[in-house]
Amino acid sequence: MATFGICEEKYRLLEEYKNCLTVFSELVRVLDSTRATTSKEQYELLRLRVNQAHERCEEARLAWERHVREHGC
């Protein structure tokens, strides 16, 4: 997808980062809204998923930043 002033790979990486943030945000919302009504085991599993989503966001952000730095776009 060609866009004004942004290369396709940069755009793709930015979309990937945005999607990761959406997943992370939703998992945090679920974690917060269910903390009083879920078992400790279920809560810990969801917390693990939140942490994994956060790590994925960081990886996506770093990939985008690396591309910008190396590609100069």
Protein backbone atom coordinates (compact mmCIF):
# COMPACT_ATOMS: atom_id res chain seq x y z
CA MET A 1 0.00 0.00 0.00
CA ALA A 2 1.63 3.22 -1.12
CA THR A 3 1.04 6.25 1.06
CA PHE A 4 2.28 9.80 0.93
CA GLY A 5 5.73 10.16 2.50
CA ILE A 6 5.93 6.67 3.96
CA CYS A 7 7.49 3.58 2.45
CA GLU A 8 5.48 0.37 2.28
CA GLU A 9 7.63 -1.52 4.79
CA LYS A 10 7.49 1.35 7.27
CA TYR A 11 3.71 1.43 6.86
CA ARG A 12 3.46 -2.35 7.32
CA LEU A 13 5.59 -2.26 10.47
CA LEU A 14 3.57 0.64 11.85
CA GLU A 15 0.33 -1.27 11.21
CA GLU A 16 1.78 -4.33 12.93
CA TYR A 17 2.72 -2.20 15.94
CA LYS A 18 -0.74 -0.64 16.00
CA ASN A 19 -2.37 -4.09 15.90
CA CYS A 20 -0.16 -5.30 18.75
CA LEU A 21 -1.16 -2.27 20.81
CA THR A 22 -4.83 -3.00 20.17
CA VAL A 23 -4.45 -6.59 21.39
CA PHE A 24 -2.44 -5.48 24.43
CA SER A 25 -4.98 -2.80 25.31
CA GLU A 26 -7.88 -5.24 25.09
CA LEU A 27 -6.10 -7.81 27.24
CA VAL A 28 -5.36 -5.17 29.89
CA ARG A 29 -9.04 -4.16 29.84
CA VAL A 30 -10.12 -7.79 30.33
CA LEU A 31 -7.55 -8.32 33.06
CA ASP A 32 -8.79 -5.26 34.92
CA SER A 33 -12.47 -6.03 34.50
CA THR A 34 -12.21 -9.68 35.61
CA ARG A 35 -9.71 -9.44 38.46
CA ALA A 36 -12.41 -9.58 41.15
CA THR A 37 -14.40 -12.39 39.54
CA THR A 38 -11.83 -14.85 38.26
CA SER A 39 -9.81 -17.54 39.97
CA LYS A 40 -6.21 -16.89 40.86
CA GLU A 41 -5.10 -19.43 38.24
CA GLN A 42 -7.17 -17.81 35.49
CA TYR A 43 -5.97 -14.38 36.53
CA GLU A 44 -2.33 -15.49 36.37
CA LEU A 45 -2.83 -17.00 32.92
CA LEU A 46 -4.40 -13.79 31.67
CA ARG A 47 -1.63 -11.76 33.27
CA LEU A 48 0.89 -13.93 31.43
CA ARG A 49 -0.93 -13.22 28.16
CA VAL A 50 -0.84 -9.49 28.93
CA ASN A 51 2.91 -9.68 29.54
CA GLN A 52 3.43 -11.61 26.30
CA ALA A 53 1.37 -9.04 24.38
CA HIS A 54 3.43 -6.26 25.92
CA GLU A 55 6.64 -7.98 24.83
CA ARG A 56 5.23 -8.36 21.31
CA CYS A 57 4.42 -4.64 21.26
CA GLU A 58 7.99 -3.85 22.22
CA GLU A 59 9.33 -6.13 19.49
CA ALA A 60 7.06 -4.49 16.90
CA ARG A 61 8.04 -1.00 18.04
CA LEU A 62 11.73 -1.84 17.90
CA ALA A 63 11.34 -3.34 14.41
CA TRP A 64 9.65 -0.16 13.22
CA GLU A 65 12.31 2.06 14.82
CA ARG A 66 15.12 -0.09 13.38
CA HIS A 67 13.61 0.15 9.92
CA VAL A 68 13.30 3.93 10.16
CA ARG A 69 16.87 4.26 11.38
CA GLU A 70 18.38 1.91 8.79
CA HIS A 71 16.21 2.88 5.83
CA GLY A 72 16.17 6.59 6.60
CA CYS A 73 12.48 6.99 5.94
